[in-house]
Amino acid sequence: MLTSILPLLPNSLRIIISNLPIKLKEQLEEIRIREDRPLEVLSAGRYVFVAQDSTLLKDSQKAYKPSREDCRMLLELLTNHSVYSFEEELRRGYITCSGGHRVGLAGRTVLEDGRVKSIRDVSSFNIRIAREIRGTGIKLLPYLLDTDEGRPYHTLIISPPQQGKTTLLRDLARCLSYGEWTISPLAQLIPTGLKIGVVDERSEIGASVQGVPRFDLGPRTDIMDGCPKAEGMMMMIRSLSPDVLVVDELGRPEDATAMYEALHAGIRVIATAHGSSLSDVSKRPVLRDLIEEKLFTRYVILGFRRGDEQVIQVLDEHGNRATSGRFYRLGKADDG
């Protein structure tokens, strides 16, 4: 996926990043570019600074420091030389690029009626590399499937930022669409994949280009790209009759309202939320009622990654372990 990132970088940065060690590039997760401050990358869970000759450093003082021109050109390339057409993205503080990569932005904000209207003088960029990693969801499916109904339980995936929840969400959508069951009774119960509706507000789940996902989400998946979650869920419910709705990062009151509609329309929902525990997210007003009413029947808690491994806990609607007290380790995760 790095090949889709390099054309978005100004020449000076493109040369540095393309000459990084091969193993580091294969596991690259973030490129952090800050005007007149050290260039930094995250790979395999470890941050390092980078010199102009692509040498990896611990000493920030010897690292390459992107110039104002580097940052200006980077923003031009990210917005296809039309910054004003990305005003909504700038207001939200990120730009999603082709390939599902998300670029976080910081700089001087412009306010209107006390609210952020846009970001000018962008001086910090966090390029988060999106990767399709298959197999992260298949180990969890036996604990997320309601064998009585032949569909997954209403599931909320909870994790701190950048611990792989979008990677897991994407792979669960793919597995359910293909019908990749690992236990034979499930294969008999659900002989084909399910109809999946993905609402991809930030274009991160499917990495769609002109409405067509570039990541494999399965043969029975419909995707609403670049659409606000609440509106997208209602559109899916009314017109596409999904068996399962998949959405990323619940956070607004209208998201909860649309969730109620889906949950009471007989559609199963798999969603994600930022947090470190069930008690953590239950304090958020948007999710509190959904949790207290036990509308989610499974919670997947992603722990912090340690290298290529990660401890994952599955809880039921009461907050009890749904895996007989066992934890399951998944492989590499890259985003979310």
Protein backbone atom coordinates (compact mmCIF):
# COMPACT_ATOMS: atom_id res chain seq x y z
CA MET A 1 0.00 0.00 0.00
CA LEU A 2 3.01 2.31 0.30
CA THR A 3 3.04 2.68 -3.49
CA SER A 4 -0.22 4.63 -3.27
CA ILE A 5 1.26 6.95 -0.64
CA LEU A 6 4.52 7.93 -2.39
CA PRO A 7 2.86 10.00 -5.17
CA LEU A 8 1.22 12.13 -2.47
CA LEU A 9 4.57 13.18 -0.98
CA PRO A 10 6.71 16.10 -2.16
CA ASN A 11 9.88 14.97 -3.86
CA SER A 12 12.19 15.47 -0.87
CA LEU A 13 10.03 13.30 1.40
CA ARG A 14 9.27 10.79 -1.34
CA ILE A 15 12.97 10.02 -1.75
CA ILE A 16 13.51 9.62 2.00
CA ILE A 17 10.53 7.32 2.54
CA SER A 18 11.18 5.18 -0.55
CA ASN A 19 14.75 4.53 0.61
CA LEU A 20 13.78 3.30 4.08
CA PRO A 21 14.78 -0.29 4.95
CA ILE A 22 12.53 -2.84 3.23
CA LYS A 23 11.37 -4.54 6.44
CA LEU A 24 10.44 -1.22 8.01
CA LYS A 25 8.44 -0.22 4.91
CA GLU A 26 6.57 -3.52 4.96
CA GLN A 27 5.40 -2.80 8.51
CA LEU A 28 5.04 0.97 8.19
CA GLU A 29 2.03 2.32 10.07
CA GLU A 30 2.51 6.09 10.27
CA ILE A 31 4.53 8.88 8.69
CA ARG A 32 4.55 11.95 10.92
CA ILE A 33 5.53 15.18 9.16
CA ARG A 34 5.84 18.38 11.20
CA GLU A 35 7.08 21.67 9.79
CA ASP A 36 10.67 22.40 10.89
CA ARG A 37 10.57 19.46 13.30
CA PRO A 38 12.02 15.95 13.05
CA LEU A 39 10.57 13.49 10.53
CA GLU A 40 9.23 10.45 12.38
CA VAL A 41 7.78 7.08 11.36
CA LEU A 42 5.97 4.29 13.20
CA SER A 43 6.69 0.72 12.15
CA ALA A 44 5.79 -2.51 13.96
CA GLY A 45 4.69 -0.49 16.99
CA ARG A 46 8.00 1.41 17.31
CA TYR A 47 8.59 5.12 16.61
CA VAL A 48 11.91 6.22 15.10
CA PHE A 49 13.25 9.45 13.61
CA VAL A 50 14.55 9.53 10.04
CA ALA A 51 17.58 11.34 8.61
CA GLN A 52 17.75 12.88 5.14
CA ASP A 53 19.67 9.81 3.90
CA SER A 54 16.87 7.54 5.28
CA THR A 55 18.96 6.42 8.24
CA LEU A 56 16.92 5.52 11.33
CA LEU A 57 17.73 7.56 14.43
CA LYS A 58 16.99 7.83 18.13
CA ASP A 59 18.41 11.35 18.26
CA SER A 60 15.76 13.77 16.99
CA GLN A 61 18.33 16.53 16.45
CA LYS A 62 19.92 14.67 13.53
CA ALA A 63 16.63 13.89 11.77
CA TYR A 64 15.38 15.55 8.59
CA LYS A 65 13.17 18.55 9.34
CA PRO A 66 10.48 19.14 6.69
CA SER A 67 10.38 22.73 5.49
CA ARG A 68 7.39 25.02 5.07
CA GLU A 69 7.59 24.34 1.35
CA ASP A 70 7.48 20.57 2.01
CA CYS A 71 4.31 21.03 4.05
CA ARG A 72 2.74 23.42 1.55
CA MET A 73 3.38 21.03 -1.32
CA LEU A 74 2.16 18.04 0.71
CA LEU A 75 -1.18 19.76 1.35
CA GLU A 76 -1.43 20.66 -2.34
CA LEU A 77 -0.88 17.04 -3.35
CA LEU A 78 -3.28 15.68 -0.73
CA THR A 79 -6.05 18.01 -1.93
CA ASN A 80 -5.24 17.61 -5.64
CA HIS A 81 -4.27 21.30 -5.78
CA SER A 82 -7.73 22.39 -4.65
CA VAL A 83 -7.61 23.06 -0.92
CA TYR A 84 -10.99 24.83 -0.92
CA SER A 85 -12.76 21.73 -2.25
CA PHE A 86 -11.61 19.90 0.91
CA GLU A 87 -13.04 22.47 3.34
CA GLU A 88 -15.27 19.91 5.10
CA GLU A 89 -12.34 17.51 5.57
CA LEU A 90 -10.16 20.33 6.87
CA ARG A 91 -12.87 21.29 9.34
CA ARG A 92 -12.87 17.73 10.69
CA GLY A 93 -9.08 17.61 10.87
CA TYR A 94 -8.30 14.83 8.43
CA ILE A 95 -8.23 13.90 4.76
CA THR A 96 -8.89 10.38 3.49
CA CYS A 97 -6.81 9.48 0.44
CA SER A 98 -7.38 6.90 -2.27
CA GLY A 99 -6.41 3.57 -0.78
CA GLY A 100 -8.09 4.25 2.56
CA HIS A 101 -5.12 6.08 4.07
CA ARG A 102 -6.15 8.80 6.52
CA VAL A 103 -4.05 11.93 7.03
CA GLY A 104 -4.57 13.75 10.31
CA LEU A 105 -3.93 17.51 10.21
CA ALA A 106 -3.03 20.21 12.72
CA GLY A 107 -2.31 23.91 12.39
CA ARG A 108 -4.03 27.26 12.92
CA THR A 109 -7.80 26.92 13.12
CA VAL A 110 -10.33 29.32 11.63
CA LEU A 111 -13.41 29.80 13.81
CA GLU A 112 -16.97 30.73 12.90
CA ASP A 113 -19.55 31.27 15.66
CA GLY A 114 -17.13 29.69 18.09
CA ARG A 115 -16.74 26.48 16.07
CA VAL A 116 -13.90 25.28 13.85
CA LYS A 117 -14.60 26.19 10.24
CA SER A 118 -11.29 25.08 8.77
CA ILE A 119 -7.57 24.63 9.41
CA ARG A 120 -5.08 27.01 7.83
CA ASP A 121 -1.30 27.04 7.94
CA VAL A 122 -1.29 23.25 8.26
CA SER A 123 1.99 22.37 9.94
CA SER A 124 1.49 18.78 11.12
CA PHE A 125 0.51 15.71 9.10
CA ASN A 126 0.00 12.17 10.36
CA ILE A 127 -0.24 9.78 7.41
CA ARG A 128 -1.76 6.54 8.68
CA ILE A 129 -1.12 3.65 6.32
CA ALA A 130 -4.16 1.43 5.71
CA ARG A 131 -3.52 -2.23 4.96
CA GLU A 132 -5.80 -5.13 4.19
CA ILE A 133 -4.87 -7.95 6.58
CA ARG A 134 -6.95 -11.07 6.09
CA GLY A 135 -7.60 -13.57 8.82
CA THR A 136 -7.88 -11.20 11.78
CA GLY A 137 -11.63 -11.81 12.09
CA ILE A 138 -11.98 -15.53 11.44
CA LYS A 139 -10.73 -16.56 14.90
CA LEU A 140 -13.41 -14.46 16.59
CA LEU A 141 -16.38 -15.49 14.45
CA PRO A 142 -17.34 -18.57 16.53
CA TYR A 143 -17.88 -16.24 19.50
CA LEU A 144 -19.78 -13.60 17.54
CA LEU A 145 -22.26 -15.80 15.67
CA ASP A 146 -25.77 -16.40 16.98
CA THR A 147 -26.28 -20.01 15.92
CA ASP A 148 -30.02 -19.83 16.67
CA GLU A 149 -30.51 -17.02 14.16
CA GLY A 150 -27.70 -17.86 11.74
CA ARG A 151 -26.33 -14.33 11.96
CA PRO A 152 -23.80 -12.46 14.09
CA TYR A 153 -24.78 -10.93 17.41
CA HIS A 154 -25.03 -7.15 17.63
CA THR A 155 -21.35 -6.44 18.26
CA LEU A 156 -19.38 -3.40 19.39
CA ILE A 157 -15.61 -3.44 18.88
CA ILE A 158 -13.83 -1.24 21.43
CA SER A 159 -10.21 -0.14 21.37
CA PRO A 160 -7.94 2.85 21.82
CA PRO A 161 -6.86 4.57 18.59
CA GLN A 162 -4.55 2.66 16.26
CA GLN A 163 -5.00 -0.77 17.79
CA GLY A 164 -6.58 -2.36 14.72
CA LYS A 165 -10.34 -2.03 15.13
CA THR A 166 -10.93 -0.93 11.53
CA THR A 167 -8.72 -3.77 10.29
CA LEU A 168 -10.79 -6.23 12.33
CA LEU A 169 -14.09 -4.65 11.25
CA ARG A 170 -13.07 -4.89 7.59
CA ASP A 171 -12.11 -8.55 7.88
CA LEU A 172 -15.30 -9.46 9.75
CA ALA A 173 -17.32 -7.90 6.92
CA ARG A 174 -15.35 -9.91 4.38
CA CYS A 175 -15.69 -13.19 6.32
CA LEU A 176 -19.44 -12.77 6.78
CA SER A 177 -19.95 -11.84 3.13
CA TYR A 178 -18.04 -14.89 1.88
CA GLY A 179 -19.40 -17.21 4.56
CA GLU A 180 -15.98 -18.23 5.86
CA TRP A 181 -17.06 -20.39 8.79
CA THR A 182 -14.45 -22.52 10.48
CA ILE A 183 -16.83 -24.82 12.38
CA SER A 184 -18.81 -27.37 10.35
CA PRO A 185 -22.17 -26.94 12.18
CA LEU A 186 -22.06 -23.26 11.28
CA ALA A 187 -21.32 -24.10 7.67
CA GLN A 188 -24.47 -26.24 7.60
CA LEU A 189 -26.53 -23.61 9.38
CA ILE A 190 -25.36 -20.74 7.17
CA PRO A 191 -24.48 -22.33 3.80
CA THR A 192 -23.88 -19.02 2.03
CA GLY A 193 -22.52 -15.65 3.03
CA LEU A 194 -24.70 -12.89 4.40
CA LYS A 195 -25.72 -9.60 2.78
CA ILE A 196 -23.49 -6.93 4.28
CA GLY A 197 -24.13 -3.19 4.20
CA VAL A 198 -21.05 -1.06 4.93
CA VAL A 199 -21.42 2.64 5.73
CA ASP A 200 -17.91 3.97 5.16
CA GLU A 201 -18.02 7.63 6.17
CA ARG A 202 -14.24 8.12 6.04
CA SER A 203 -13.52 5.75 3.11
CA GLU A 204 -11.27 3.70 5.39
CA ILE A 205 -13.11 0.39 5.50
CA GLY A 206 -13.30 -0.23 1.76
CA ALA A 207 -10.74 2.27 0.38
CA SER A 208 -13.24 3.00 -2.38
CA VAL A 209 -12.36 4.80 -5.59
CA GLN A 210 -15.39 6.19 -7.45
CA GLY A 211 -17.66 4.13 -5.22
CA VAL A 212 -15.89 0.79 -5.81
CA PRO A 213 -14.02 -0.72 -2.81
CA ARG A 214 -10.37 -1.53 -3.40
CA PHE A 215 -10.19 -3.75 -0.32
CA ASP A 216 -11.95 -7.10 -0.57
CA LEU A 217 -15.18 -6.84 1.42
CA GLY A 218 -16.73 -9.97 -0.05
CA PRO A 219 -19.12 -10.79 -2.92
CA ARG A 220 -22.36 -9.92 -1.08
CA THR A 221 -21.35 -6.52 0.27
CA ASP A 222 -22.83 -3.13 -0.63
CA ILE A 223 -20.93 -0.02 0.42
CA MET A 224 -22.12 3.53 1.01
CA ASP A 225 -18.90 5.52 0.65
CA GLY A 226 -18.26 8.97 2.08
CA CYS A 227 -21.72 9.08 3.65
CA PRO A 228 -22.46 10.19 7.24
CA LYS A 229 -23.14 7.10 9.32
CA ALA A 230 -26.64 7.98 10.48
CA GLU A 231 -27.90 8.84 6.99
CA GLY A 232 -26.09 5.88 5.44
CA MET A 233 -27.57 3.39 7.89
CA MET A 234 -31.11 4.65 7.21
CA MET A 235 -30.54 4.53 3.44
CA MET A 236 -29.25 0.96 3.71
CA ILE A 237 -32.22 -0.10 5.87
CA ARG A 238 -34.76 1.39 3.46
CA SER A 239 -33.33 0.24 0.16
CA LEU A 240 -30.72 -2.55 0.37
CA SER A 241 -32.12 -5.02 2.96
CA PRO A 242 -28.78 -5.99 4.52
CA ASP A 243 -28.50 -8.88 6.95
CA VAL A 244 -25.70 -7.06 8.73
CA LEU A 245 -24.80 -3.36 8.93
CA VAL A 246 -21.13 -2.50 9.44
CA VAL A 247 -20.11 1.00 10.62
CA ASP A 248 -16.95 2.51 12.05
CA GLU A 249 -16.48 4.86 15.01
CA LEU A 250 -19.86 5.67 16.53
CA GLY A 251 -19.77 9.07 18.17
CA ARG A 252 -22.67 11.40 17.34
CA PRO A 253 -26.20 11.41 18.81
CA GLU A 254 -27.71 10.77 15.38
CA ASP A 255 -25.55 7.64 15.09
CA ALA A 256 -27.30 6.21 18.17
CA THR A 257 -30.73 7.03 16.74
CA ALA A 258 -29.93 5.21 13.51
CA MET A 259 -28.57 2.30 15.54
CA TYR A 260 -31.93 1.96 17.29
CA GLU A 261 -33.67 1.87 13.90
CA ALA A 262 -31.36 -0.88 12.65
CA LEU A 263 -31.51 -2.92 15.85
CA HIS A 264 -35.30 -2.85 15.86
CA ALA A 265 -35.58 -3.56 12.12
CA GLY A 266 -34.18 -7.06 12.49
CA ILE A 267 -30.77 -6.10 11.10
CA ARG A 268 -27.63 -7.13 12.94
CA VAL A 269 -25.03 -4.44 13.54
CA ILE A 270 -21.25 -4.58 13.93
CA ALA A 271 -19.76 -1.23 14.93
CA THR A 272 -16.65 0.25 16.54
CA ALA A 273 -16.00 2.88 19.19
CA HIS A 274 -12.94 4.47 20.77
CA GLY A 275 -12.25 3.37 24.32
CA SER A 276 -10.11 1.13 26.46
CA SER A 277 -12.87 -0.88 28.18
CA LEU A 278 -16.61 -1.44 28.32
CA SER A 279 -16.91 0.78 31.38
CA ASP A 280 -14.99 3.46 29.51
CA VAL A 281 -17.37 3.66 26.52
CA SER A 282 -20.46 3.24 28.72
CA LYS A 283 -19.75 6.69 30.13
CA ARG A 284 -20.20 8.30 26.72
CA PRO A 285 -23.71 9.75 26.28
CA VAL A 286 -24.05 8.44 22.73
CA LEU A 287 -23.42 4.82 23.75
CA ARG A 288 -24.68 4.75 27.35
CA ASP A 289 -28.32 3.95 26.57
CA LEU A 290 -27.43 1.31 23.98
CA ILE A 291 -25.22 -0.44 26.51
CA GLU A 292 -27.59 -0.10 29.47
CA GLU A 293 -30.45 -1.54 27.41
CA LYS A 294 -28.17 -4.44 26.44
CA LEU A 295 -28.81 -3.94 22.74
CA PHE A 296 -25.26 -5.08 21.99
CA THR A 297 -24.86 -8.78 22.76
CA ARG A 298 -21.12 -9.00 22.20
CA TYR A 299 -18.26 -6.63 22.99
CA VAL A 300 -14.79 -7.16 21.54
CA ILE A 301 -12.12 -5.37 23.58
CA LEU A 302 -8.80 -4.91 21.78
CA GLY A 303 -5.80 -4.57 24.06
CA PHE A 304 -2.63 -2.68 23.22
CA ARG A 305 -0.44 -4.45 20.70
CA ARG A 306 2.89 -5.90 21.67
CA GLY A 307 4.82 -6.25 18.42
CA ASP A 308 2.78 -8.48 16.13
CA GLU A 309 0.54 -9.86 18.87
CA GLN A 310 -2.46 -8.51 20.73
CA VAL A 311 -4.68 -9.74 23.53
CA ILE A 312 -8.40 -9.63 22.69
CA GLN A 313 -11.31 -10.15 25.06
CA VAL A 314 -14.90 -11.02 24.10
CA LEU A 315 -17.68 -10.07 26.53
CA ASP A 316 -21.42 -10.74 26.51
CA GLU A 317 -24.19 -8.19 27.08
CA HIS A 318 -23.70 -8.40 30.86
CA GLY A 319 -19.99 -7.66 30.62
CA ASN A 320 -19.04 -11.27 31.37
CA ARG A 321 -16.45 -13.11 29.34
CA ALA A 322 -18.00 -14.95 26.42
CA THR A 323 -14.87 -17.04 25.81
CA SER A 324 -14.79 -19.13 29.01
CA GLY A 325 -12.21 -16.78 30.44
CA ARG A 326 -9.74 -17.30 27.61
CA PHE A 327 -8.02 -14.61 25.59
CA TYR A 328 -7.25 -14.87 21.90
CA ARG A 329 -4.27 -13.47 20.13
CA LEU A 330 -4.53 -12.08 16.62
CA GLY A 331 -1.75 -11.18 14.25
CA LYS A 332 -0.71 -7.80 12.91
CA ALA A 333 -3.17 -4.94 13.04
CA ASP A 334 -2.57 -1.61 11.44
CA ASP A 335 -5.21 1.05 11.90
CA GLY A 336 -8.33 2.35 13.62
